Amino acid sequence: GSVQAGASLRVSCAASGRTFSSHAAGWF
């Protein structure tokens, strides 16, 4: 979303597939 400097935001990544718990994950 759009926020002002100093604000907070949480982005989420929903995974499908039962093997997600076996994966390392990251953000770019």
mmCIF file of all heavy atoms, coordinates in Angstrom:
data_MODEL
# 
_entry.id   MODEL 
# 
loop_
_atom_site.group_PDB 
_atom_site.id 
_atom_site.type_symbol 
_atom_site.label_atom_id 
_atom_site.label_alt_id 
_atom_site.label_comp_id 
_atom_site.label_asym_id 
_atom_site.label_entity_id 
_atom_site.label_seq_id 
_atom_site.pdbx_PDB_ins_code 
_atom_site.Cartn_x 
_atom_site.Cartn_y 
_atom_site.Cartn_z 
_atom_site.occupancy 
_atom_site.B_iso_or_equiv 
_atom_site.pdbx_formal_charge 
_atom_site.auth_seq_id 
_atom_site.auth_comp_id 
_atom_site.auth_asym_id 
_atom_site.auth_atom_id 
_atom_site.pdbx_PDB_model_num 
ATOM 1   N N   . GLY A 1 1  ? 0.822  -1.193  0.000  1.00 0.00 ? 1  GLY A N   1 
ATOM 2   C CA  . GLY A 1 1  ? 0.000  0.000   0.000  1.00 0.00 ? 1  GLY A CA  1 
ATOM 3   C C   . GLY A 1 1  ? 0.855  1.241   0.000  1.00 0.00 ? 1  GLY A C   1 
ATOM 4   O O   . GLY A 1 1  ? 2.072  1.184   -0.144 1.00 0.00 ? 1  GLY A O   1 
ATOM 5   N N   . SER A 1 2  ? 0.199  2.376   0.163  1.00 0.00 ? 2  SER A N   1 
ATOM 6   C CA  . SER A 1 2  ? 0.862  3.670   0.201  1.00 0.00 ? 2  SER A CA  1 
ATOM 7   C C   . SER A 1 2  ? 0.813  4.229   1.610  1.00 0.00 ? 2  SER A C   1 
ATOM 8   O O   . SER A 1 2  ? -0.268 4.336   2.199  1.00 0.00 ? 2  SER A O   1 
ATOM 9   C CB  . SER A 1 2  ? 0.193  4.643   -0.769 1.00 0.00 ? 2  SER A CB  1 
ATOM 10  O OG  . SER A 1 2  ? 0.308  4.193   -2.106 1.00 0.00 ? 2  SER A OG  1 
ATOM 11  N N   . VAL A 1 3  ? 1.978  4.567   2.141  1.00 0.00 ? 3  VAL A N   1 
ATOM 12  C CA  . VAL A 1 3  ? 2.074  5.099   3.495  1.00 0.00 ? 3  VAL A CA  1 
ATOM 13  C C   . VAL A 1 3  ? 3.026  6.281   3.510  1.00 0.00 ? 3  VAL A C   1 
ATOM 14  O O   . VAL A 1 3  ? 3.772  6.516   2.564  1.00 0.00 ? 3  VAL A O   1 
ATOM 15  C CB  . VAL A 1 3  ? 2.561  4.041   4.505  1.00 0.00 ? 3  VAL A CB  1 
ATOM 16  C CG1 . VAL A 1 3  ? 1.594  2.869   4.569  1.00 0.00 ? 3  VAL A CG1 1 
ATOM 17  C CG2 . VAL A 1 3  ? 3.964  3.564   4.146  1.00 0.00 ? 3  VAL A CG2 1 
ATOM 18  N N   . GLN A 1 4  ? 3.004  7.017   4.606  1.00 0.00 ? 4  GLN A N   1 
ATOM 19  C CA  . GLN A 1 4  ? 3.922  8.126   4.790  1.00 0.00 ? 4  GLN A CA  1 
ATOM 20  C C   . GLN A 1 4  ? 5.200  7.662   5.461  1.00 0.00 ? 4  GLN A C   1 
ATOM 21  O O   . GLN A 1 4  ? 5.220  6.652   6.167  1.00 0.00 ? 4  GLN A O   1 
ATOM 22  C CB  . GLN A 1 4  ? 3.270  9.229   5.619  1.00 0.00 ? 4  GLN A CB  1 
ATOM 23  C CG  . GLN A 1 4  ? 2.107  9.911   4.931  1.00 0.00 ? 4  GLN A CG  1 
ATOM 24  C CD  . GLN A 1 4  ? 1.550  11.050  5.750  1.00 0.00 ? 4  GLN A CD  1 
ATOM 25  O OE1 . GLN A 1 4  ? 1.685  11.082  6.964  1.00 0.00 ? 4  GLN A OE1 1 
ATOM 26  N NE2 . GLN A 1 4  ? 0.915  11.990  5.071  1.00 0.00 ? 4  GLN A NE2 1 
ATOM 27  N N   . ALA A 1 5  ? 6.268  8.388   5.237  1.00 0.00 ? 5  ALA A N   1 
ATOM 28  C CA  . ALA A 1 5  ? 7.539  8.077   5.871  1.00 0.00 ? 5  ALA A CA  1 
ATOM 29  C C   . ALA A 1 5  ? 7.366  7.973   7.383  1.00 0.00 ? 5  ALA A C   1 
ATOM 30  O O   . ALA A 1 5  ? 6.669  8.776   7.998  1.00 0.00 ? 5  ALA A O   1 
ATOM 31  C CB  . ALA A 1 5  ? 8.574  9.143   5.523  1.00 0.00 ? 5  ALA A CB  1 
ATOM 32  N N   . GLY A 1 6  ? 8.006  6.966   7.962  1.00 0.00 ? 6  GLY A N   1 
ATOM 33  C CA  . GLY A 1 6  ? 7.909  6.719   9.381  1.00 0.00 ? 6  GLY A CA  1 
ATOM 34  C C   . GLY A 1 6  ? 6.832  5.725   9.763  1.00 0.00 ? 6  GLY A C   1 
ATOM 35  O O   . GLY A 1 6  ? 6.807  5.239   10.902 1.00 0.00 ? 6  GLY A O   1 
ATOM 36  N N   . ALA A 1 7  ? 5.957  5.408   8.840  1.00 0.00 ? 7  ALA A N   1 
ATOM 37  C CA  . ALA A 1 7  ? 4.867  4.479   9.113  1.00 0.00 ? 7  ALA A CA  1 
ATOM 38  C C   . ALA A 1 7  ? 5.346  3.033   9.054  1.00 0.00 ? 7  ALA A C   1 
ATOM 39  O O   . ALA A 1 7  ? 6.485  2.746   8.676  1.00 0.00 ? 7  ALA A O   1 
ATOM 40  C CB  . ALA A 1 7  ? 3.736  4.694   8.120  1.00 0.00 ? 7  ALA A CB  1 
ATOM 41  N N   . SER A 1 8  ? 4.460  2.132   9.422  1.00 0.00 ? 8  SER A N   1 
ATOM 42  C CA  . SER A 1 8  ? 4.730  0.704   9.390  1.00 0.00 ? 8  SER A CA  1 
ATOM 43  C C   . SER A 1 8  ? 3.772  0.006   8.442  1.00 0.00 ? 8  SER A C   1 
ATOM 44  O O   . SER A 1 8  ? 2.654  0.471   8.204  1.00 0.00 ? 8  SER A O   1 
ATOM 45  C CB  . SER A 1 8  ? 4.586  0.093   10.785 1.00 0.00 ? 8  SER A CB  1 
ATOM 46  O OG  . SER A 1 8  ? 5.549  0.604   11.680 1.00 0.00 ? 8  SER A OG  1 
ATOM 47  N N   . LEU A 1 9  ? 4.220  -1.115  7.930  1.00 0.00 ? 9  LEU A N   1 
ATOM 48  C CA  . LEU A 1 9  ? 3.412  -1.907  7.026  1.00 0.00 ? 9  LEU A CA  1 
ATOM 49  C C   . LEU A 1 9  ? 3.879  -3.347  7.126  1.00 0.00 ? 9  LEU A C   1 
ATOM 50  O O   . LEU A 1 9  ? 5.079  -3.607  7.296  1.00 0.00 ? 9  LEU A O   1 
ATOM 51  C CB  . LEU A 1 9  ? 3.573  -1.392  5.597  1.00 0.00 ? 9  LEU A CB  1 
ATOM 52  C CG  . LEU A 1 9  ? 2.537  -1.776  4.540  1.00 0.00 ? 9  LEU A CG  1 
ATOM 53  C CD1 . LEU A 1 9  ? 1.174  -1.199  4.899  1.00 0.00 ? 9  LEU A CD1 1 
ATOM 54  C CD2 . LEU A 1 9  ? 2.988  -1.262  3.180  1.00 0.00 ? 9  LEU A CD2 1 
ATOM 55  N N   . ARG A 1 10 ? 2.959  -4.280  7.032  1.00 0.00 ? 10 ARG A N   1 
ATOM 56  C CA  . ARG A 1 10 ? 3.317  -5.684  6.992  1.00 0.00 ? 10 ARG A CA  1 
ATOM 57  C C   . ARG A 1 10 ? 2.817  -6.299  5.703  1.00 0.00 ? 10 ARG A C   1 
ATOM 58  O O   . ARG A 1 10 ? 1.621  -6.252  5.410  1.00 0.00 ? 10 ARG A O   1 
ATOM 59  C CB  . ARG A 1 10 ? 2.745  -6.454  8.184  1.00 0.00 ? 10 ARG A CB  1 
ATOM 60  C CG  . ARG A 1 10 ? 3.259  -7.894  8.248  1.00 0.00 ? 10 ARG A CG  1 
ATOM 61  C CD  . ARG A 1 10 ? 2.778  -8.650  9.461  1.00 0.00 ? 10 ARG A CD  1 
ATOM 62  N NE  . ARG A 1 10 ? 1.381  -9.043  9.335  1.00 0.00 ? 10 ARG A NE  1 
ATOM 63  C CZ  . ARG A 1 10 ? 0.785  -9.936  10.112 1.00 0.00 ? 10 ARG A CZ  1 
ATOM 64  N NH1 . ARG A 1 10 ? 1.477  -10.533 11.084 1.00 0.00 ? 10 ARG A NH1 1 
ATOM 65  N NH2 . ARG A 1 10 ? -0.485 -10.222 9.943  1.00 0.00 ? 10 ARG A NH2 1 
ATOM 66  N N   . VAL A 1 11 ? 3.734  -6.858  4.943  1.00 0.00 ? 11 VAL A N   1 
ATOM 67  C CA  . VAL A 1 11 ? 3.360  -7.581  3.743  1.00 0.00 ? 11 VAL A CA  1 
ATOM 68  C C   . VAL A 1 11 ? 3.400  -9.072  4.039  1.00 0.00 ? 11 VAL A C   1 
ATOM 69  O O   . VAL A 1 11 ? 4.199  -9.542  4.847  1.00 0.00 ? 11 VAL A O   1 
ATOM 70  C CB  . VAL A 1 11 ? 4.249  -7.222  2.537  1.00 0.00 ? 11 VAL A CB  1 
ATOM 71  C CG1 . VAL A 1 11 ? 3.964  -5.799  2.073  1.00 0.00 ? 11 VAL A CG1 1 
ATOM 72  C CG2 . VAL A 1 11 ? 5.729  -7.374  2.873  1.00 0.00 ? 11 VAL A CG2 1 
ATOM 73  N N   . SER A 1 12 ? 2.515  -9.799  3.390  1.00 0.00 ? 12 SER A N   1 
ATOM 74  C CA  . SER A 1 12 ? 2.381  -11.226 3.619  1.00 0.00 ? 12 SER A CA  1 
ATOM 75  C C   . SER A 1 12 ? 2.595  -11.989 2.327  1.00 0.00 ? 12 SER A C   1 
ATOM 76  O O   . SER A 1 12 ? 2.383  -11.462 1.233  1.00 0.00 ? 12 SER A O   1 
ATOM 77  C CB  . SER A 1 12 ? 0.989  -11.554 4.166  1.00 0.00 ? 12 SER A CB  1 
ATOM 78  O OG  . SER A 1 12 ? 0.741  -10.890 5.382  1.00 0.00 ? 12 SER A OG  1 
ATOM 79  N N   . CYS A 1 13 ? 2.995  -13.218 2.468  1.00 0.00 ? 13 CYS A N   1 
ATOM 80  C CA  . CYS A 1 13 ? 3.193  -14.111 1.334  1.00 0.00 ? 13 CYS A CA  1 
ATOM 81  C C   . CYS A 1 13 ? 2.546  -15.438 1.673  1.00 0.00 ? 13 CYS A C   1 
ATOM 82  O O   . CYS A 1 13 ? 3.047  -16.173 2.536  1.00 0.00 ? 13 CYS A O   1 
ATOM 83  C CB  . CYS A 1 13 ? 4.683  -14.280 1.050  1.00 0.00 ? 13 CYS A CB  1 
ATOM 84  S SG  . CYS A 1 13 ? 5.075  -15.452 -0.257 1.00 0.00 ? 13 CYS A SG  1 
ATOM 85  N N   . ALA A 1 14 ? 1.438  -15.732 1.026  1.00 0.00 ? 14 ALA A N   1 
ATOM 86  C CA  . ALA A 1 14 ? 0.723  -16.977 1.254  1.00 0.00 ? 14 ALA A CA  1 
ATOM 87  C C   . ALA A 1 14 ? 1.210  -18.032 0.274  1.00 0.00 ? 14 ALA A C   1 
ATOM 88  O O   . ALA A 1 14 ? 1.245  -17.796 -0.930 1.00 0.00 ? 14 ALA A O   1 
ATOM 89  C CB  . ALA A 1 14 ? -0.776 -16.759 1.097  1.00 0.00 ? 14 ALA A CB  1 
ATOM 90  N N   . ALA A 1 15 ? 1.577  -19.178 0.798  1.00 0.00 ? 15 ALA A N   1 
ATOM 91  C CA  . ALA A 1 15 ? 2.114  -20.255 -0.014 1.00 0.00 ? 15 ALA A CA  1 
ATOM 92  C C   . ALA A 1 15 ? 1.124  -21.400 -0.115 1.00 0.00 ? 15 ALA A C   1 
ATOM 93  O O   . ALA A 1 15 ? 0.487  -21.774 0.874  1.00 0.00 ? 15 ALA A O   1 
ATOM 94  C CB  . ALA A 1 15 ? 3.423  -20.765 0.576  1.00 0.00 ? 15 ALA A CB  1 
ATOM 95  N N   . SER A 1 16 ? 1.000  -21.932 -1.295 1.00 0.00 ? 16 SER A N   1 
ATOM 96  C CA  . SER A 1 16 ? 0.261  -23.168 -1.484 1.00 0.00 ? 16 SER A CA  1 
ATOM 97  C C   . SER A 1 16 ? 1.260  -24.306 -1.623 1.00 0.00 ? 16 SER A C   1 
ATOM 98  O O   . SER A 1 16 ? 2.406  -24.103 -2.031 1.00 0.00 ? 16 SER A O   1 
ATOM 99  C CB  . SER A 1 16 ? -0.642 -23.089 -2.711 1.00 0.00 ? 16 SER A CB  1 
ATOM 100 O OG  . SER A 1 16 ? 0.125  -22.935 -3.898 1.00 0.00 ? 16 SER A OG  1 
ATOM 101 N N   . GLY A 1 17 ? 0.829  -25.489 -1.278 1.00 0.00 ? 17 GLY A N   1 
ATOM 102 C CA  . GLY A 1 17 ? 1.718  -26.631 -1.321 1.00 0.00 ? 17 GLY A CA  1 
ATOM 103 C C   . GLY A 1 17 ? 2.125  -27.062 0.073  1.00 0.00 ? 17 GLY A C   1 
ATOM 104 O O   . GLY A 1 17 ? 2.574  -26.246 0.882  1.00 0.00 ? 17 GLY A O   1 
ATOM 105 N N   . ARG A 1 18 ? 2.020  -28.312 0.339  1.00 0.00 ? 18 ARG A N   1 
ATOM 106 C CA  . ARG A 1 18 ? 2.276  -28.826 1.682  1.00 0.00 ? 18 ARG A CA  1 
ATOM 107 C C   . ARG A 1 18 ? 3.746  -28.830 2.048  1.00 0.00 ? 18 ARG A C   1 
ATOM 108 O O   . ARG A 1 18 ? 4.087  -29.053 3.216  1.00 0.00 ? 18 ARG A O   1 
ATOM 109 C CB  . ARG A 1 18 ? 1.703  -30.232 1.819  1.00 0.00 ? 18 ARG A CB  1 
ATOM 110 C CG  . ARG A 1 18 ? 2.341  -31.269 0.909  1.00 0.00 ? 18 ARG A CG  1 
ATOM 111 C CD  . ARG A 1 18 ? 1.508  -32.535 0.855  1.00 0.00 ? 18 ARG A CD  1 
ATOM 112 N NE  . ARG A 1 18 ? 1.185  -33.040 2.184  1.00 0.00 ? 18 ARG A NE  1 
ATOM 113 C CZ  . ARG A 1 18 ? 0.283  -33.985 2.434  1.00 0.00 ? 18 ARG A CZ  1 
ATOM 114 N NH1 . ARG A 1 18 ? -0.383 -34.530 1.435  1.00 0.00 ? 18 ARG A NH1 1 
ATOM 115 N NH2 . ARG A 1 18 ? 0.050  -34.373 3.671  1.00 0.00 ? 18 ARG A NH2 1 
ATOM 116 N N   . THR A 1 19 ? 4.634  -28.579 1.099  1.00 0.00 ? 19 THR A N   1 
ATOM 117 C CA  . THR A 1 19 ? 6.059  -28.608 1.365  1.00 0.00 ? 19 THR A CA  1 
ATOM 118 C C   . THR A 1 19 ? 6.648  -27.251 1.717  1.00 0.00 ? 19 THR A C   1 
ATOM 119 O O   . THR A 1 19 ? 7.858  -27.140 1.878  1.00 0.00 ? 19 THR A O   1 
ATOM 120 C CB  . THR A 1 19 ? 6.837  -29.182 0.171  1.00 0.00 ? 19 THR A CB  1 
ATOM 121 O OG1 . THR A 1 19 ? 6.668  -28.342 -0.970 1.00 0.00 ? 19 THR A OG1 1 
ATOM 122 C CG2 . THR A 1 19 ? 6.356  -30.587 -0.152 1.00 0.00 ? 19 THR A CG2 1 
ATOM 123 N N   . PHE A 1 20 ? 5.828  -26.215 1.849  1.00 0.00 ? 20 PHE A N   1 
ATOM 124 C CA  . PHE A 1 20 ? 6.355  -24.891 2.138  1.00 0.00 ? 20 PHE A CA  1 
ATOM 125 C C   . PHE A 1 20 ? 7.210  -24.888 3.395  1.00 0.00 ? 20 PHE A C   1 
ATOM 126 O O   . PHE A 1 20 ? 8.222  -24.182 3.468  1.00 0.00 ? 20 PHE A O   1 
ATOM 127 C CB  . PHE A 1 20 ? 5.223  -23.871 2.267  1.00 0.00 ? 20 PHE A CB  1 
ATOM 128 C CG  . PHE A 1 20 ? 5.706  -22.502 2.639  1.00 0.00 ? 20 PHE A CG  1 
ATOM 129 C CD1 . PHE A 1 20 ? 6.468  -21.752 1.761  1.00 0.00 ? 20 PHE A CD1 1 
ATOM 130 C CD2 . PHE A 1 20 ? 5.404  -21.957 3.886  1.00 0.00 ? 20 PHE A CD2 1 
ATOM 131 C CE1 . PHE A 1 20 ? 6.926  -20.488 2.103  1.00 0.00 ? 20 PHE A CE1 1 
ATOM 132 C CE2 . PHE A 1 20 ? 5.844  -20.698 4.237  1.00 0.00 ? 20 PHE A CE2 1 
ATOM 133 C CZ  . PHE A 1 20 ? 6.609  -19.963 3.340  1.00 0.00 ? 20 PHE A CZ  1 
ATOM 134 N N   . SER A 1 21 ? 6.833  -25.662 4.383  1.00 0.00 ? 21 SER A N   1 
ATOM 135 C CA  . SER A 1 21 ? 7.574  -25.690 5.635  1.00 0.00 ? 21 SER A CA  1 
ATOM 136 C C   . SER A 1 21 ? 8.977  -26.268 5.477  1.00 0.00 ? 21 SER A C   1 
ATOM 137 O O   . SER A 1 21 ? 9.794  -26.142 6.391  1.00 0.00 ? 21 SER A O   1 
ATOM 138 C CB  . SER A 1 21 ? 6.808  -26.487 6.693  1.00 0.00 ? 21 SER A CB  1 
ATOM 139 O OG  . SER A 1 21 ? 6.640  -27.838 6.298  1.00 0.00 ? 21 SER A OG  1 
ATOM 140 N N   . SER A 1 22 ? 9.259  -26.879 4.341  1.00 0.00 ? 22 SER A N   1 
ATOM 141 C CA  . SER A 1 22 ? 10.590 -27.402 4.058  1.00 0.00 ? 22 SER A CA  1 
ATOM 142 C C   . SER A 1 22 ? 11.454 -26.409 3.281  1.00 0.00 ? 22 SER A C   1 
ATOM 143 O O   . SER A 1 22 ? 12.610 -26.707 2.986  1.00 0.00 ? 22 SER A O   1 
ATOM 144 C CB  . SER A 1 22 ? 10.495 -28.705 3.263  1.00 0.00 ? 22 SER A CB  1 
ATOM 145 O OG  . SER A 1 22 ? 9.826  -29.710 4.002  1.00 0.00 ? 22 SER A OG  1 
ATOM 146 N N   . HIS A 1 23 ? 10.905 -25.254 2.960  1.00 0.00 ? 23 HIS A N   1 
ATOM 147 C CA  . HIS A 1 23 ? 11.591 -24.277 2.127  1.00 0.00 ? 23 HIS A CA  1 
ATOM 148 C C   . HIS A 1 23 ? 12.123 -23.100 2.930  1.00 0.00 ? 23 HIS A C   1 
ATOM 149 O O   . HIS A 1 23 ? 11.420 -22.572 3.797  1.00 0.00 ? 23 HIS A O   1 
ATOM 150 C CB  . HIS A 1 23 ? 10.636 -23.722 1.064  1.00 0.00 ? 23 HIS A CB  1 
ATOM 151 C CG  . HIS A 1 23 ? 10.286 -24.686 -0.017 1.00 0.00 ? 23 HIS A CG  1 
ATOM 152 N ND1 . HIS A 1 23 ? 9.526  -25.811 0.212  1.00 0.00 ? 23 HIS A ND1 1 
ATOM 153 C CD2 . HIS A 1 23 ? 10.598 -24.691 -1.334 1.00 0.00 ? 23 HIS A CD2 1 
ATOM 154 C CE1 . HIS A 1 23 ? 9.380  -26.469 -0.923 1.00 0.00 ? 23 HIS A CE1 1 
ATOM 155 N NE2 . HIS A 1 23 ? 10.017 -25.811 -1.871 1.00 0.00 ? 23 HIS A NE2 1 
ATOM 156 N N   . ALA A 1 24 ? 13.340 -22.709 2.623  1.00 0.00 ? 24 ALA A N   1 
ATOM 157 C CA  . ALA A 1 24 ? 13.790 -21.393 3.036  1.00 0.00 ? 24 ALA A CA  1 
ATOM 158 C C   . ALA A 1 24 ? 13.001 -20.359 2.240  1.00 0.00 ? 24 ALA A C   1 
ATOM 159 O O   . ALA A 1 24 ? 12.544 -20.637 1.126  1.00 0.00 ? 24 ALA A O   1 
ATOM 160 C CB  . ALA A 1 24 ? 15.286 -21.227 2.782  1.00 0.00 ? 24 ALA A CB  1 
ATOM 161 N N   . ALA A 1 25 ? 12.829 -19.180 2.798  1.00 0.00 ? 25 ALA A N   1 
ATOM 162 C CA  . ALA A 1 25 ? 12.028 -18.165 2.135  1.00 0.00 ? 25 ALA A CA  1 
ATOM 163 C C   . ALA A 1 25 ? 12.693 -16.803 2.272  1.00 0.00 ? 25 ALA A C   1 
ATOM 164 O O   . ALA A 1 25 ? 13.507 -16.579 3.174  1.00 0.00 ? 25 ALA A O   1 
ATOM 165 C CB  . ALA A 1 25 ? 10.615 -18.126 2.722  1.00 0.00 ? 25 ALA A CB  1 
ATOM 166 N N   . GLY A 1 26 ? 12.331 -15.907 1.370  1.00 0.00 ? 26 GLY A N   1 
ATOM 167 C CA  . GLY A 1 26 ? 12.938 -14.597 1.401  1.00 0.00 ? 26 GLY A CA  1 
ATOM 168 C C   . GLY A 1 26 ? 12.061 -13.526 0.800  1.00 0.00 ? 26 GLY A C   1 
ATOM 169 O O   . GLY A 1 26 ? 10.995 -13.805 0.237  1.00 0.00 ? 26 GLY A O   1 
ATOM 170 N N   . TRP A 1 27 ? 12.534 -12.304 0.951  1.00 0.00 ? 27 TRP A N   1 
ATOM 171 C CA  . TRP A 1 27 ? 11.902 -11.139 0.348  1.00 0.00 ? 27 TRP A CA  1 
ATOM 172 C C   . TRP A 1 27 ? 12.930 -10.378 -0.471 1.00 0.00 ? 27 TRP A C   1 
ATOM 173 O O   . TRP A 1 27 ? 14.070 -10.190 -0.034 1.00 0.00 ? 27 TRP A O   1 
ATOM 174 C CB  . TRP A 1 27 ? 11.313 -10.209 1.408  1.00 0.00 ? 27 TRP A CB  1 
ATOM 175 C CG  . TRP A 1 27 ? 10.083 -10.729 2.063  1.00 0.00 ? 27 TRP A CG  1 
ATOM 176 C CD1 . TRP A 1 27 ? 9.993  -11.422 3.221  1.00 0.00 ? 27 TRP A CD1 1 
ATOM 177 C CD2 . TRP A 1 27 ? 8.743  -10.575 1.578  1.00 0.00 ? 27 TRP A CD2 1 
ATOM 178 N NE1 . TRP A 1 27 ? 8.689  -11.723 3.498  1.00 0.00 ? 27 TRP A NE1 1 
ATOM 179 C CE2 . TRP A 1 27 ? 7.900  -11.214 2.510  1.00 0.00 ? 27 TRP A CE2 1 
ATOM 180 C CE3 . TRP A 1 27 ? 8.179  -9.961  0.461  1.00 0.00 ? 27 TRP A CE3 1 
ATOM 181 C CZ2 . TRP A 1 27 ? 6.510  -11.249 2.343  1.00 0.00 ? 27 TRP A CZ2 1 
ATOM 182 C CZ3 . TRP A 1 27 ? 6.810  -10.001 0.295  1.00 0.00 ? 27 TRP A CZ3 1 
ATOM 183 C CH2 . TRP A 1 27 ? 5.992  -10.645 1.233  1.00 0.00 ? 27 TRP A CH2 1 
ATOM 184 N N   . PHE A 1 28 ? 12.511 -9.952  -1.639 1.00 0.00 ? 28 PHE A N   1 
ATOM 185 C CA  . PHE A 1 28 ? 13.292 -9.079  -2.505 1.00 0.00 ? 28 PHE A CA  1 
ATOM 186 C C   . PHE A 1 28 ? 12.443 -7.869  -2.855 1.00 0.00 ? 28 PHE A C   1 
ATOM 187 O O   . PHE A 1 28 ? 11.226 -7.891  -2.714 1.00 0.00 ? 28 PHE A O   1 
ATOM 188 C CB  . PHE A 1 28 ? 13.713 -9.805  -3.784 1.00 0.00 ? 28 PHE A CB  1 
ATOM 189 C CG  . PHE A 1 28 ? 14.771 -10.853 -3.577 1.00 0.00 ? 28 PHE A CG  1 
ATOM 190 C CD1 . PHE A 1 28 ? 14.472 -12.058 -2.965 1.00 0.00 ? 28 PHE A CD1 1 
ATOM 191 C CD2 . PHE A 1 28 ? 16.073 -10.632 -3.998 1.00 0.00 ? 28 PHE A CD2 1 
ATOM 192 C CE1 . PHE A 1 28 ? 15.440 -13.025 -2.771 1.00 0.00 ? 28 PHE A CE1 1 
ATOM 193 C CE2 . PHE A 1 28 ? 17.053 -11.586 -3.816 1.00 0.00 ? 28 PHE A CE2 1 
ATOM 194 C CZ  . PHE A 1 28 ? 16.737 -12.788 -3.200 1.00 0.00 ? 28 PHE A CZ  1 
# 
